[in-house]
Amino acid sequence: MMISASNITKSYGSLKVLKGVDLEVGKGEIVSIVGKSGAGKSTLLHILGTLDRPDGGRLTIDGQDVFSLSDRQLAAFRNRNVGFVFQFHHLLPEFSALENVSIPAFIAKTDPRVAEEKARELLTYLGLADRMDHKPNQMSGGEQQRVAMARALINAPAVVFADEPTGNLDSASSAELHKLLFQLRDDFGQSFIIVTHNEELARISDRRLEMVDGKL
């Protein structure tokens, strides 16, 4: 299993948000998590993505028991093994598409020439060969989201977590992103866990899980 989570719990004060979540995701699997606002979807995604620690439970990613790591070790593990795509692209406005995509590889201490070559390959694969030197404000929302996807993939992560990836896109760009997710799964065996309100995306995923009252 690429991801194995067992009995994940999380509370904020007296509010129990996650009440013992179990989840297994295999390599090359696209899993969508749906549910009402406030059901705990984003909290779960942040814990599975190692951005937050649970109160209890166990999580392994690609065989690594992640919460046994120190904060510093966990940050290094996250950089190399976990990719993120958010509703708002979080691209750095002063940098070009190529530079934005290369940053996680630079953080991982990849040789700059190797990092930029991989970034060029990814941007070309994602149909952005003619946008590499453009800054975010020179690109459409769909193009920015594809740059964000390339950035998530630059270190060849075990899994990519996406939080409402189509929430800020028009229907044509959303359909394009859906197609891209399956292309990445088929071409690279990429695993995705997606929190979404987009029922079309959830329906065509390999699995659609619903979060109700802190459990899947």
N, C-alpha and C. Protein backbone atom coordinates (compact mmCIF):
# COMPACT_ATOMS: atom_id res chain seq x y z
N MET A 1 0.83 -1.20 0.00
CA MET A 1 0.00 0.00 0.00
C MET A 1 0.87 1.27 0.00
N MET A 2 0.51 2.22 -0.83
CA MET A 2 1.25 3.49 -0.87
C MET A 2 0.97 4.30 0.40
N ILE A 3 -0.31 4.26 0.85
CA ILE A 3 -0.69 4.96 2.08
C ILE A 3 -1.53 4.02 2.92
N SER A 4 -1.21 3.96 4.21
CA SER A 4 -2.02 3.19 5.15
C SER A 4 -2.21 4.03 6.41
N ALA A 5 -3.47 4.39 6.67
CA ALA A 5 -3.81 5.17 7.87
C ALA A 5 -4.75 4.34 8.73
N SER A 6 -4.49 4.31 10.02
CA SER A 6 -5.37 3.54 10.91
C SER A 6 -5.70 4.35 12.16
N ASN A 7 -7.00 4.43 12.43
CA ASN A 7 -7.54 5.04 13.65
C ASN A 7 -7.02 6.46 13.88
N ILE A 8 -7.04 7.27 12.82
CA ILE A 8 -6.58 8.67 12.92
C ILE A 8 -7.63 9.50 13.66
N THR A 9 -7.21 10.14 14.75
CA THR A 9 -8.12 11.01 15.51
C THR A 9 -7.53 12.41 15.59
N LYS A 10 -8.42 13.40 15.65
CA LYS A 10 -7.98 14.79 15.80
C LYS A 10 -9.11 15.61 16.41
N SER A 11 -8.77 16.35 17.45
CA SER A 11 -9.72 17.25 18.10
C SER A 11 -9.14 18.64 18.18
N TYR A 12 -10.02 19.63 18.18
CA TYR A 12 -9.63 21.01 18.44
C TYR A 12 -10.43 21.45 19.66
N GLY A 13 -9.77 21.50 20.81
CA GLY A 13 -10.48 21.74 22.05
C GLY A 13 -11.45 20.59 22.30
N SER A 14 -12.72 20.90 22.54
CA SER A 14 -13.70 19.85 22.81
C SER A 14 -14.35 19.32 21.53
N LEU A 15 -13.98 19.91 20.36
CA LEU A 15 -14.57 19.50 19.10
C LEU A 15 -13.79 18.34 18.49
N LYS A 16 -14.42 17.17 18.42
CA LYS A 16 -13.79 16.00 17.79
C LYS A 16 -14.04 16.06 16.29
N VAL A 17 -12.98 16.26 15.52
CA VAL A 17 -13.12 16.42 14.07
C VAL A 17 -12.95 15.07 13.36
N LEU A 18 -11.93 14.32 13.72
CA LEU A 18 -11.70 12.99 13.15
C LEU A 18 -11.85 11.96 14.26
N LYS A 19 -12.68 10.95 14.00
CA LYS A 19 -13.06 10.02 15.06
C LYS A 19 -12.65 8.58 14.76
N GLY A 20 -11.40 8.42 14.33
CA GLY A 20 -10.92 7.07 14.05
C GLY A 20 -11.03 6.73 12.58
N VAL A 21 -10.25 7.43 11.75
CA VAL A 21 -10.30 7.24 10.29
C VAL A 21 -9.31 6.16 9.87
N ASP A 22 -9.79 5.23 9.06
CA ASP A 22 -8.95 4.19 8.47
C ASP A 22 -8.99 4.36 6.95
N LEU A 23 -7.82 4.25 6.32
CA LEU A 23 -7.77 4.42 4.86
C LEU A 23 -6.53 3.74 4.30
N GLU A 24 -6.71 3.02 3.20
CA GLU A 24 -5.58 2.47 2.46
C GLU A 24 -5.71 2.87 1.00
N VAL A 25 -4.60 3.32 0.42
CA VAL A 25 -4.58 3.74 -0.97
C VAL A 25 -3.39 3.08 -1.65
N GLY A 26 -3.65 2.44 -2.79
CA GLY A 26 -2.61 1.73 -3.51
C GLY A 26 -1.89 2.63 -4.51
N LYS A 27 -0.80 2.12 -5.08
CA LYS A 27 -0.06 2.86 -6.10
C LYS A 27 -0.94 3.00 -7.34
N GLY A 28 -0.94 4.21 -7.90
CA GLY A 28 -1.70 4.44 -9.12
C GLY A 28 -3.19 4.49 -8.91
N GLU A 29 -3.62 4.81 -7.70
CA GLU A 29 -5.05 4.89 -7.41
C GLU A 29 -5.47 6.34 -7.21
N ILE A 30 -6.64 6.69 -7.75
CA ILE A 30 -7.21 8.02 -7.56
C ILE A 30 -8.41 7.88 -6.64
N VAL A 31 -8.29 8.47 -5.45
CA VAL A 31 -9.34 8.38 -4.44
C VAL A 31 -9.89 9.79 -4.17
N SER A 32 -11.18 9.95 -4.30
CA SER A 32 -11.81 11.23 -3.99
C SER A 32 -12.56 11.13 -2.67
N ILE A 33 -12.45 12.19 -1.87
CA ILE A 33 -13.16 12.28 -0.59
C ILE A 33 -14.15 13.42 -0.68
N VAL A 34 -15.42 13.10 -0.48
CA VAL A 34 -16.47 14.12 -0.54
C VAL A 34 -17.14 14.20 0.83
N GLY A 35 -17.98 15.22 1.00
CA GLY A 35 -18.69 15.39 2.27
C GLY A 35 -19.04 16.84 2.48
N LYS A 36 -19.94 17.09 3.39
CA LYS A 36 -20.36 18.45 3.67
C LYS A 36 -19.22 19.27 4.26
N SER A 37 -19.31 20.58 4.10
CA SER A 37 -18.33 21.47 4.74
C SER A 37 -18.34 21.24 6.24
N GLY A 38 -17.14 21.19 6.84
CA GLY A 38 -17.05 20.96 8.27
C GLY A 38 -17.03 19.50 8.68
N ALA A 39 -17.07 18.60 7.67
CA ALA A 39 -17.08 17.15 7.98
C ALA A 39 -15.71 16.63 8.39
N GLY A 40 -14.65 17.43 8.11
CA GLY A 40 -13.29 17.00 8.49
C GLY A 40 -12.41 16.62 7.32
N LYS A 41 -12.87 16.87 6.08
CA LYS A 41 -12.12 16.45 4.90
C LYS A 41 -10.74 17.10 4.82
N SER A 42 -10.70 18.43 4.96
CA SER A 42 -9.41 19.13 4.83
C SER A 42 -8.49 18.81 6.00
N THR A 43 -9.07 18.63 7.20
CA THR A 43 -8.26 18.23 8.36
C THR A 43 -7.58 16.90 8.08
N LEU A 44 -8.35 15.95 7.53
CA LEU A 44 -7.79 14.64 7.20
C LEU A 44 -6.70 14.78 6.14
N LEU A 45 -6.96 15.59 5.12
CA LEU A 45 -5.98 15.75 4.04
C LEU A 45 -4.67 16.33 4.58
N HIS A 46 -4.77 17.30 5.49
CA HIS A 46 -3.57 17.90 6.07
C HIS A 46 -2.78 16.89 6.90
N ILE A 47 -3.48 15.99 7.58
CA ILE A 47 -2.78 14.96 8.36
C ILE A 47 -2.17 13.91 7.45
N LEU A 48 -2.93 13.44 6.46
CA LEU A 48 -2.39 12.46 5.52
C LEU A 48 -1.19 13.03 4.76
N GLY A 49 -1.24 14.33 4.51
CA GLY A 49 -0.14 14.99 3.81
C GLY A 49 1.00 15.43 4.71
N THR A 50 0.91 15.10 5.99
CA THR A 50 1.94 15.35 7.03
C THR A 50 2.11 16.84 7.33
N LEU A 51 1.13 17.67 6.95
CA LEU A 51 1.19 19.09 7.31
C LEU A 51 0.77 19.31 8.76
N ASP A 52 0.07 18.34 9.32
CA ASP A 52 -0.40 18.42 10.71
C ASP A 52 -0.27 17.02 11.32
N ARG A 53 -0.10 16.96 12.62
CA ARG A 53 -0.01 15.66 13.29
C ARG A 53 -1.35 15.33 13.94
N PRO A 54 -1.74 14.06 13.94
CA PRO A 54 -2.99 13.66 14.58
C PRO A 54 -2.82 13.57 16.09
N ASP A 55 -3.94 13.48 16.81
CA ASP A 55 -3.88 13.21 18.25
C ASP A 55 -3.57 11.75 18.50
N GLY A 56 -4.03 10.90 17.59
CA GLY A 56 -3.79 9.46 17.75
C GLY A 56 -3.89 8.77 16.40
N GLY A 57 -3.40 7.54 16.34
CA GLY A 57 -3.44 6.77 15.10
C GLY A 57 -2.07 6.66 14.46
N ARG A 58 -2.03 5.93 13.35
CA ARG A 58 -0.76 5.63 12.69
C ARG A 58 -0.90 5.87 11.19
N LEU A 59 0.16 6.40 10.59
CA LEU A 59 0.16 6.67 9.16
C LEU A 59 1.49 6.24 8.56
N THR A 60 1.42 5.40 7.54
CA THR A 60 2.64 5.04 6.78
C THR A 60 2.44 5.50 5.34
N ILE A 61 3.49 6.09 4.79
CA ILE A 61 3.51 6.50 3.39
C ILE A 61 4.70 5.82 2.74
N ASP A 62 4.42 5.00 1.74
CA ASP A 62 5.48 4.26 1.03
C ASP A 62 6.38 3.51 2.02
N GLY A 63 5.74 2.92 3.05
CA GLY A 63 6.46 2.10 4.02
C GLY A 63 7.06 2.84 5.20
N GLN A 64 7.02 4.16 5.18
CA GLN A 64 7.61 4.95 6.27
C GLN A 64 6.54 5.33 7.29
N ASP A 65 6.79 5.00 8.56
CA ASP A 65 5.92 5.43 9.66
C ASP A 65 6.22 6.91 9.90
N VAL A 66 5.39 7.79 9.31
CA VAL A 66 5.80 9.19 9.19
C VAL A 66 5.81 9.95 10.51
N PHE A 67 4.91 9.62 11.42
CA PHE A 67 4.84 10.42 12.64
C PHE A 67 5.82 9.96 13.72
N SER A 68 6.67 8.97 13.35
CA SER A 68 7.80 8.63 14.23
C SER A 68 8.99 9.54 13.93
N LEU A 69 8.88 10.34 12.86
CA LEU A 69 9.97 11.24 12.48
C LEU A 69 9.91 12.54 13.27
N SER A 70 11.06 13.17 13.47
CA SER A 70 11.10 14.50 14.07
C SER A 70 10.52 15.50 13.08
N ASP A 71 10.21 16.71 13.53
CA ASP A 71 9.65 17.72 12.63
C ASP A 71 10.58 17.99 11.45
N ARG A 72 11.87 18.03 11.73
CA ARG A 72 12.84 18.31 10.66
C ARG A 72 12.91 17.15 9.65
N GLN A 73 12.93 15.92 10.19
CA GLN A 73 12.94 14.74 9.31
C GLN A 73 11.64 14.68 8.49
N LEU A 74 10.54 15.03 9.14
CA LEU A 74 9.24 14.97 8.48
C LEU A 74 9.17 15.99 7.35
N ALA A 75 9.72 17.18 7.56
CA ALA A 75 9.73 18.20 6.51
C ALA A 75 10.52 17.72 5.29
N ALA A 76 11.66 17.06 5.54
CA ALA A 76 12.48 16.53 4.45
C ALA A 76 11.74 15.39 3.73
N PHE A 77 11.08 14.53 4.50
CA PHE A 77 10.30 13.43 3.91
C PHE A 77 9.18 13.98 3.05
N ARG A 78 8.48 15.00 3.56
CA ARG A 78 7.35 15.60 2.84
C ARG A 78 7.82 16.18 1.51
N ASN A 79 8.93 16.89 1.55
CA ASN A 79 9.45 17.53 0.34
C ASN A 79 9.71 16.51 -0.76
N ARG A 80 10.21 15.34 -0.37
CA ARG A 80 10.60 14.34 -1.37
C ARG A 80 9.48 13.39 -1.76
N ASN A 81 8.51 13.18 -0.89
CA ASN A 81 7.55 12.09 -1.10
C ASN A 81 6.09 12.51 -1.24
N VAL A 82 5.81 13.80 -1.00
CA VAL A 82 4.42 14.25 -1.00
C VAL A 82 4.30 15.49 -1.88
N GLY A 83 3.29 15.49 -2.76
CA GLY A 83 3.00 16.66 -3.59
C GLY A 83 1.65 17.24 -3.19
N PHE A 84 1.49 18.55 -3.39
CA PHE A 84 0.24 19.22 -3.03
C PHE A 84 -0.25 20.10 -4.18
N VAL A 85 -1.57 20.05 -4.39
CA VAL A 85 -2.22 20.98 -5.31
C VAL A 85 -3.43 21.54 -4.56
N PHE A 86 -3.52 22.86 -4.50
CA PHE A 86 -4.60 23.50 -3.75
C PHE A 86 -5.56 24.23 -4.69
N GLN A 87 -6.69 24.64 -4.15
CA GLN A 87 -7.68 25.37 -4.94
C GLN A 87 -7.07 26.66 -5.50
N PHE A 88 -6.37 27.41 -4.63
CA PHE A 88 -5.67 28.60 -5.06
C PHE A 88 -4.22 28.20 -5.26
N HIS A 89 -3.69 28.50 -6.42
CA HIS A 89 -2.50 27.81 -6.91
C HIS A 89 -1.27 27.99 -6.05
N HIS A 90 -1.22 29.11 -5.28
CA HIS A 90 -0.07 29.39 -4.42
C HIS A 90 1.24 29.43 -5.20
N LEU A 91 1.17 29.91 -6.45
CA LEU A 91 2.40 30.14 -7.20
C LEU A 91 3.02 31.45 -6.74
N LEU A 92 4.34 31.51 -6.76
CA LEU A 92 5.02 32.74 -6.33
C LEU A 92 5.00 33.73 -7.49
N PRO A 93 4.36 34.90 -7.30
CA PRO A 93 4.07 35.79 -8.43
C PRO A 93 5.30 36.37 -9.12
N GLU A 94 6.41 36.46 -8.38
CA GLU A 94 7.59 37.10 -8.97
C GLU A 94 8.43 36.13 -9.81
N PHE A 95 8.07 34.84 -9.79
CA PHE A 95 8.84 33.82 -10.50
C PHE A 95 8.09 33.29 -11.72
N SER A 96 8.86 32.86 -12.72
CA SER A 96 8.27 32.26 -13.92
C SER A 96 7.72 30.87 -13.60
N ALA A 97 6.98 30.32 -14.56
CA ALA A 97 6.45 28.95 -14.41
C ALA A 97 7.60 27.97 -14.15
N LEU A 98 8.66 28.09 -14.94
CA LEU A 98 9.81 27.19 -14.79
C LEU A 98 10.41 27.30 -13.39
N GLU A 99 10.56 28.51 -12.90
CA GLU A 99 11.14 28.71 -11.57
C GLU A 99 10.22 28.18 -10.47
N ASN A 100 8.92 28.43 -10.60
CA ASN A 100 7.96 27.93 -9.61
C ASN A 100 8.02 26.41 -9.51
N VAL A 101 8.09 25.75 -10.66
CA VAL A 101 8.11 24.28 -10.66
C VAL A 101 9.43 23.75 -10.08
N SER A 102 10.51 24.46 -10.31
CA SER A 102 11.84 23.99 -9.89
C SER A 102 12.07 24.11 -8.38
N ILE A 103 11.35 25.00 -7.71
CA ILE A 103 11.65 25.32 -6.30
C ILE A 103 11.69 24.09 -5.39
N PRO A 104 10.68 23.18 -5.41
CA PRO A 104 10.77 22.02 -4.51
C PRO A 104 12.01 21.15 -4.77
N ALA A 105 12.43 21.09 -6.04
CA ALA A 105 13.65 20.31 -6.36
C ALA A 105 14.89 21.00 -5.82
N PHE A 106 14.91 22.34 -5.88
CA PHE A 106 16.04 23.07 -5.29
C PHE A 106 16.10 22.82 -3.78
N ILE A 107 14.93 22.83 -3.13
CA ILE A 107 14.86 22.59 -1.68
C ILE A 107 15.39 21.20 -1.35
N ALA A 108 15.11 20.24 -2.26
CA ALA A 108 15.59 18.86 -2.07
C ALA A 108 17.07 18.70 -2.44
N LYS A 109 17.72 19.86 -2.77
CA LYS A 109 19.15 19.89 -3.10
C LYS A 109 19.48 19.13 -4.39
N THR A 110 18.51 19.07 -5.30
CA THR A 110 18.77 18.53 -6.63
C THR A 110 19.68 19.50 -7.38
N ASP A 111 20.60 18.97 -8.17
CA ASP A 111 21.45 19.83 -9.00
C ASP A 111 20.56 20.77 -9.82
N PRO A 112 20.82 22.08 -9.78
CA PRO A 112 19.94 23.04 -10.45
C PRO A 112 19.69 22.73 -11.93
N ARG A 113 20.73 22.26 -12.63
CA ARG A 113 20.54 21.94 -14.06
C ARG A 113 19.60 20.75 -14.24
N VAL A 114 19.75 19.75 -13.37
CA VAL A 114 18.87 18.57 -13.42
C VAL A 114 17.44 18.97 -13.07
N ALA A 115 17.31 19.83 -12.05
CA ALA A 115 15.98 20.28 -11.62
C ALA A 115 15.27 21.03 -12.74
N GLU A 116 15.99 21.95 -13.39
CA GLU A 116 15.36 22.74 -14.45
C GLU A 116 15.01 21.87 -15.66
N GLU A 117 15.84 20.88 -15.94
CA GLU A 117 15.55 19.98 -17.06
C GLU A 117 14.27 19.17 -16.77
N LYS A 118 14.15 18.69 -15.53
CA LYS A 118 12.94 17.94 -15.16
C LYS A 118 11.72 18.87 -15.20
N ALA A 119 11.88 20.10 -14.75
CA ALA A 119 10.77 21.07 -14.79
C ALA A 119 10.35 21.32 -16.23
N ARG A 120 11.32 21.46 -17.14
CA ARG A 120 10.99 21.66 -18.55
C ARG A 120 10.23 20.47 -19.11
N GLU A 121 10.67 19.27 -18.77
CA GLU A 121 10.00 18.05 -19.25
C GLU A 121 8.55 18.01 -18.77
N LEU A 122 8.35 18.31 -17.48
CA LEU A 122 7.00 18.27 -16.92
C LEU A 122 6.09 19.33 -17.55
N LEU A 123 6.60 20.54 -17.68
CA LEU A 123 5.79 21.60 -18.27
C LEU A 123 5.45 21.29 -19.73
N THR A 124 6.38 20.69 -20.46
CA THR A 124 6.11 20.28 -21.84
C THR A 124 5.04 19.19 -21.86
N TYR A 125 5.19 18.21 -20.97
CA TYR A 125 4.22 17.11 -20.87
C TYR A 125 2.82 17.64 -20.57
N LEU A 126 2.75 18.70 -19.77
CA LEU A 126 1.47 19.27 -19.37
C LEU A 126 0.97 20.34 -20.35
N GLY A 127 1.63 20.43 -21.51
CA GLY A 127 1.15 21.33 -22.55
C GLY A 127 1.50 22.79 -22.34
N LEU A 128 2.57 23.04 -21.59
CA LEU A 128 2.94 24.42 -21.26
C LEU A 128 4.32 24.80 -21.78
N ALA A 129 4.74 24.16 -22.87
CA ALA A 129 6.08 24.41 -23.41
C ALA A 129 6.27 25.89 -23.76
N ASP A 130 5.19 26.56 -24.18
CA ASP A 130 5.31 27.96 -24.58
C ASP A 130 4.97 28.93 -23.44
N ARG A 131 4.87 28.40 -22.21
CA ARG A 131 4.52 29.25 -21.07
C ARG A 131 5.61 29.24 -19.99
N MET A 132 6.74 28.61 -20.26
CA MET A 132 7.75 28.40 -19.22
C MET A 132 8.28 29.69 -18.61
N ASP A 133 8.40 30.73 -19.45
CA ASP A 133 8.98 31.98 -18.97
C ASP A 133 7.91 32.98 -18.52
N HIS A 134 6.64 32.55 -18.56
CA HIS A 134 5.55 33.44 -18.14
C HIS A 134 5.40 33.42 -16.62
N LYS A 135 5.06 34.57 -16.08
CA LYS A 135 4.74 34.65 -14.65
C LYS A 135 3.26 34.34 -14.45
N PRO A 136 2.86 33.98 -13.22
CA PRO A 136 1.47 33.56 -13.00
C PRO A 136 0.43 34.53 -13.54
N ASN A 137 0.66 35.85 -13.40
CA ASN A 137 -0.36 36.80 -13.85
C ASN A 137 -0.46 36.89 -15.37
N GLN A 138 0.42 36.18 -16.08
CA GLN A 138 0.37 36.14 -17.54
C GLN A 138 -0.28 34.86 -18.05
N MET A 139 -0.81 34.04 -17.11
CA MET A 139 -1.40 32.75 -17.47
C MET A 139 -2.86 32.68 -17.02
N SER A 140 -3.64 31.83 -17.69
CA SER A 140 -5.02 31.60 -17.29
C SER A 140 -5.06 30.76 -16.02
N GLY A 141 -6.25 30.69 -15.41
CA GLY A 141 -6.39 29.87 -14.21
C GLY A 141 -6.06 28.41 -14.46
N GLY A 142 -6.50 27.88 -15.59
CA GLY A 142 -6.20 26.48 -15.93
C GLY A 142 -4.71 26.25 -16.12
N GLU A 143 -4.04 27.21 -16.76
CA GLU A 143 -2.59 27.09 -16.95
C GLU A 143 -1.86 27.16 -15.61
N GLN A 144 -2.30 28.07 -14.75
CA GLN A 144 -1.67 28.17 -13.42
C GLN A 144 -1.83 26.86 -12.65
N GLN A 145 -3.00 26.22 -12.77
CA GLN A 145 -3.22 24.98 -12.03
C GLN A 145 -2.34 23.85 -12.59
N ARG A 146 -2.08 23.88 -13.90
CA ARG A 146 -1.16 22.88 -14.47
C ARG A 146 0.28 23.14 -14.02
N VAL A 147 0.65 24.40 -13.87
CA VAL A 147 1.98 24.71 -13.30
C VAL A 147 2.06 24.17 -11.87
N ALA A 148 0.98 24.39 -11.10
CA ALA A 148 0.95 23.87 -9.72
C ALA A 148 1.06 22.35 -9.71
N MET A 149 0.44 21.69 -10.70
CA MET A 149 0.53 20.23 -10.80
C MET A 149 1.96 19.80 -11.11
N ALA A 150 2.62 20.51 -12.02
CA ALA A 150 4.01 20.20 -12.35
C ALA A 150 4.90 20.36 -11.11
N ARG A 151 4.65 21.43 -10.35
CA ARG A 151 5.42 21.66 -9.11
C ARG A 151 5.21 20.51 -8.13
N ALA A 152 3.96 20.00 -8.03
CA ALA A 152 3.67 18.89 -7.12
C ALA A 152 4.39 17.62 -7.54
N LEU A 153 4.68 17.48 -8.84
CA LEU A 153 5.24 16.24 -9.38
C LEU A 153 6.76 16.26 -9.50
N ILE A 154 7.40 17.42 -9.31
CA ILE A 154 8.81 17.58 -9.65
C ILE A 154 9.73 16.60 -8.92
N ASN A 155 9.40 16.26 -7.67
CA ASN A 155 10.26 15.33 -6.91
C ASN A 155 9.78 13.89 -6.98
N ALA A 156 8.93 13.59 -7.97
CA ALA A 156 8.39 12.22 -8.15
C ALA A 156 7.82 11.68 -6.84
N PRO A 157 6.80 12.35 -6.27
CA PRO A 157 6.29 11.96 -4.96
C PRO A 157 5.56 10.63 -4.97
N ALA A 158 5.47 10.02 -3.79
CA ALA A 158 4.70 8.78 -3.64
C ALA A 158 3.22 9.06 -3.89
N VAL A 159 2.76 10.22 -3.45
CA VAL A 159 1.34 10.55 -3.56
C VAL A 159 1.18 12.07 -3.70
N VAL A 160 0.15 12.46 -4.45
CA VAL A 160 -0.21 13.88 -4.56
C VAL A 160 -1.56 14.09 -3.88
N PHE A 161 -1.61 15.07 -2.99
CA PHE A 161 -2.85 15.45 -2.32
C PHE A 161 -3.40 16.71 -2.98
N ALA A 162 -4.67 16.68 -3.31
CA ALA A 162 -5.30 17.83 -3.97
C ALA A 162 -6.51 18.26 -3.16
N ASP A 163 -6.53 19.54 -2.78
CA ASP A 163 -7.64 20.09 -1.99
C ASP A 163 -8.46 21.01 -2.88
N GLU A 164 -9.63 20.55 -3.30
CA GLU A 164 -10.51 21.30 -4.20
C GLU A 164 -9.74 21.81 -5.44
N PRO A 165 -9.07 20.91 -6.19
CA PRO A 165 -8.20 21.37 -7.28
C PRO A 165 -8.95 22.06 -8.42
N THR A 166 -10.26 21.77 -8.56
CA THR A 166 -11.02 22.41 -9.64
C THR A 166 -11.94 23.50 -9.09
N GLY A 167 -11.84 23.82 -7.80
CA GLY A 167 -12.76 24.75 -7.16
C GLY A 167 -12.69 26.16 -7.70
N ASN A 168 -11.58 26.50 -8.35
CA ASN A 168 -11.39 27.87 -8.84
C ASN A 168 -11.37 27.93 -10.36
N LEU A 169 -11.76 26.81 -11.01
CA LEU A 169 -11.66 26.72 -12.47
C LEU A 169 -13.03 26.69 -13.13
N ASP A 170 -13.08 27.17 -14.38
CA ASP A 170 -14.33 27.05 -15.14
C ASP A 170 -14.51 25.60 -15.58
N SER A 171 -15.66 25.27 -16.15
CA SER A 171 -15.98 23.86 -16.44
C SER A 171 -15.02 23.26 -17.46
N ALA A 172 -14.60 24.05 -18.45
CA ALA A 172 -13.68 23.51 -19.47
C ALA A 172 -12.32 23.20 -18.85
N SER A 173 -11.81 24.10 -18.01
CA SER A 173 -10.51 23.87 -17.35
C SER A 173 -10.61 22.71 -16.36
N SER A 174 -11.77 22.59 -15.69
CA SER A 174 -11.99 21.47 -14.76
C SER A 174 -11.93 20.14 -15.50
N ALA A 175 -12.61 20.06 -16.63
CA ALA A 175 -12.62 18.82 -17.42
C ALA A 175 -11.21 18.47 -17.88
N GLU A 176 -10.44 19.51 -18.25
CA GLU A 176 -9.06 19.31 -18.68
C GLU A 176 -8.20 18.75 -17.54
N LEU A 177 -8.43 19.28 -16.32
CA LEU A 177 -7.66 18.81 -15.16
C LEU A 177 -8.04 17.38 -14.82
N HIS A 178 -9.32 17.03 -14.91
CA HIS A 178 -9.75 15.65 -14.65
C HIS A 178 -9.03 14.69 -15.60
N LYS A 179 -9.00 15.05 -16.87
CA LYS A 179 -8.34 14.21 -17.88
C LYS A 179 -6.86 14.05 -17.54
N LEU A 180 -6.25 15.15 -17.10
CA LEU A 180 -4.83 15.15 -16.76
C LEU A 180 -4.53 14.20 -15.59
N LEU A 181 -5.39 14.19 -14.57
CA LEU A 181 -5.17 13.32 -13.42
C LEU A 181 -5.08 11.86 -13.85
N PHE A 182 -5.98 11.45 -14.75
CA PHE A 182 -5.99 10.06 -15.20
C PHE A 182 -4.81 9.77 -16.12
N GLN A 183 -4.40 10.76 -16.88
CA GLN A 183 -3.22 10.61 -17.73
C GLN A 183 -1.98 10.39 -16.86
N LEU A 184 -1.85 11.15 -15.78
CA LEU A 184 -0.72 11.00 -14.87
C LEU A 184 -0.75 9.65 -14.17
N ARG A 185 -1.93 9.20 -13.82
CA ARG A 185 -2.04 7.87 -13.21
C ARG A 185 -1.60 6.79 -14.20
N ASP A 186 -2.09 6.89 -15.43
CA ASP A 186 -1.79 5.85 -16.42
C ASP A 186 -0.34 5.88 -16.88
N ASP A 187 0.23 7.09 -17.04
CA ASP A 187 1.60 7.20 -17.57
C ASP A 187 2.67 6.99 -16.50
N PHE A 188 2.38 7.40 -15.26
CA PHE A 188 3.41 7.38 -14.22
C PHE A 188 3.04 6.54 -12.99
N GLY A 189 1.83 5.96 -12.99
CA GLY A 189 1.39 5.22 -11.80
C GLY A 189 1.23 6.13 -10.59
N GLN A 190 0.87 7.40 -10.85
CA GLN A 190 0.78 8.39 -9.77
C GLN A 190 -0.48 8.17 -8.93
N SER A 191 -0.31 8.18 -7.60
CA SER A 191 -1.45 8.08 -6.67
C SER A 191 -1.94 9.49 -6.34
N PHE A 192 -3.26 9.63 -6.25
CA PHE A 192 -3.87 10.92 -5.87
C PHE A 192 -4.92 10.70 -4.79
N ILE A 193 -4.93 11.59 -3.81
CA ILE A 193 -6.05 11.67 -2.86
C ILE A 193 -6.60 13.09 -2.99
N ILE A 194 -7.89 13.17 -3.34
CA ILE A 194 -8.49 14.45 -3.70
C ILE A 194 -9.69 14.74 -2.80
N VAL A 195 -9.66 15.89 -2.16
CA VAL A 195 -10.85 16.39 -1.46
C VAL A 195 -11.58 17.30 -2.44
N THR A 196 -12.86 17.02 -2.67
CA THR A 196 -13.57 17.78 -3.70
C THR A 196 -15.06 17.88 -3.42
N HIS A 197 -15.65 18.97 -3.90
CA HIS A 197 -17.11 19.09 -3.96
C HIS A 197 -17.60 18.81 -5.37
N ASN A 198 -16.66 18.51 -6.27
CA ASN A 198 -17.00 18.26 -7.67
C ASN A 198 -17.44 16.80 -7.83
N GLU A 199 -18.73 16.59 -7.92
CA GLU A 199 -19.26 15.22 -7.96
C GLU A 199 -18.85 14.48 -9.23
N GLU A 200 -18.65 15.23 -10.32
CA GLU A 200 -18.21 14.60 -11.57
C GLU A 200 -16.83 13.97 -11.37
N LEU A 201 -15.92 14.72 -10.76
CA LEU A 201 -14.57 14.20 -10.48
C LEU A 201 -14.65 13.02 -9.53
N ALA A 202 -15.46 13.14 -8.49
CA ALA A 202 -15.59 12.05 -7.52
C ALA A 202 -16.12 10.78 -8.19
N ARG A 203 -17.07 10.96 -9.10
CA ARG A 203 -17.73 9.83 -9.74
C ARG A 203 -16.78 9.04 -10.64
N ILE A 204 -15.87 9.76 -11.32
CA ILE A 204 -14.96 9.07 -12.25
C ILE A 204 -13.67 8.60 -11.58
N SER A 205 -13.49 8.92 -10.29
CA SER A 205 -12.31 8.44 -9.56
C SER A 205 -12.39 6.93 -9.36
N ASP A 206 -11.26 6.33 -9.02
CA ASP A 206 -11.26 4.88 -8.75
C ASP A 206 -12.13 4.54 -7.55
N ARG A 207 -12.11 5.44 -6.57
CA ARG A 207 -12.98 5.26 -5.38
C ARG A 207 -13.51 6.60 -4.93
N ARG A 208 -14.76 6.63 -4.54
CA ARG A 208 -15.38 7.84 -3.98
C ARG A 208 -15.72 7.52 -2.53
N LEU A 209 -15.09 8.23 -1.60
CA LEU A 209 -15.34 8.02 -0.18
C LEU A 209 -16.05 9.25 0.37
N GLU A 210 -17.00 9.02 1.26
CA GLU A 210 -17.73 10.14 1.83
C GLU A 210 -17.39 10.28 3.31
N MET A 211 -17.11 11.52 3.71
CA MET A 211 -16.81 11.77 5.11
C MET A 211 -18.09 12.25 5.80
N VAL A 212 -18.46 11.52 6.83
CA VAL A 212 -19.66 11.85 7.60
C VAL A 212 -19.31 11.79 9.08
N ASP A 213 -19.50 12.93 9.77
CA ASP A 213 -19.32 12.96 11.22
C ASP A 213 -17.97 12.41 11.67
N GLY A 214 -16.91 12.83 10.94
CA GLY A 214 -15.55 12.49 11.39
C GLY A 214 -15.05 11.11 11.03
N LYS A 215 -15.82 10.40 10.19
CA LYS A 215 -15.37 9.08 9.73
C LYS A 215 -15.61 8.95 8.24
N LEU A 216 -14.82 8.06 7.62
CA LEU A 216 -15.02 7.78 6.19
C LEU A 216 -16.04 6.65 6.04
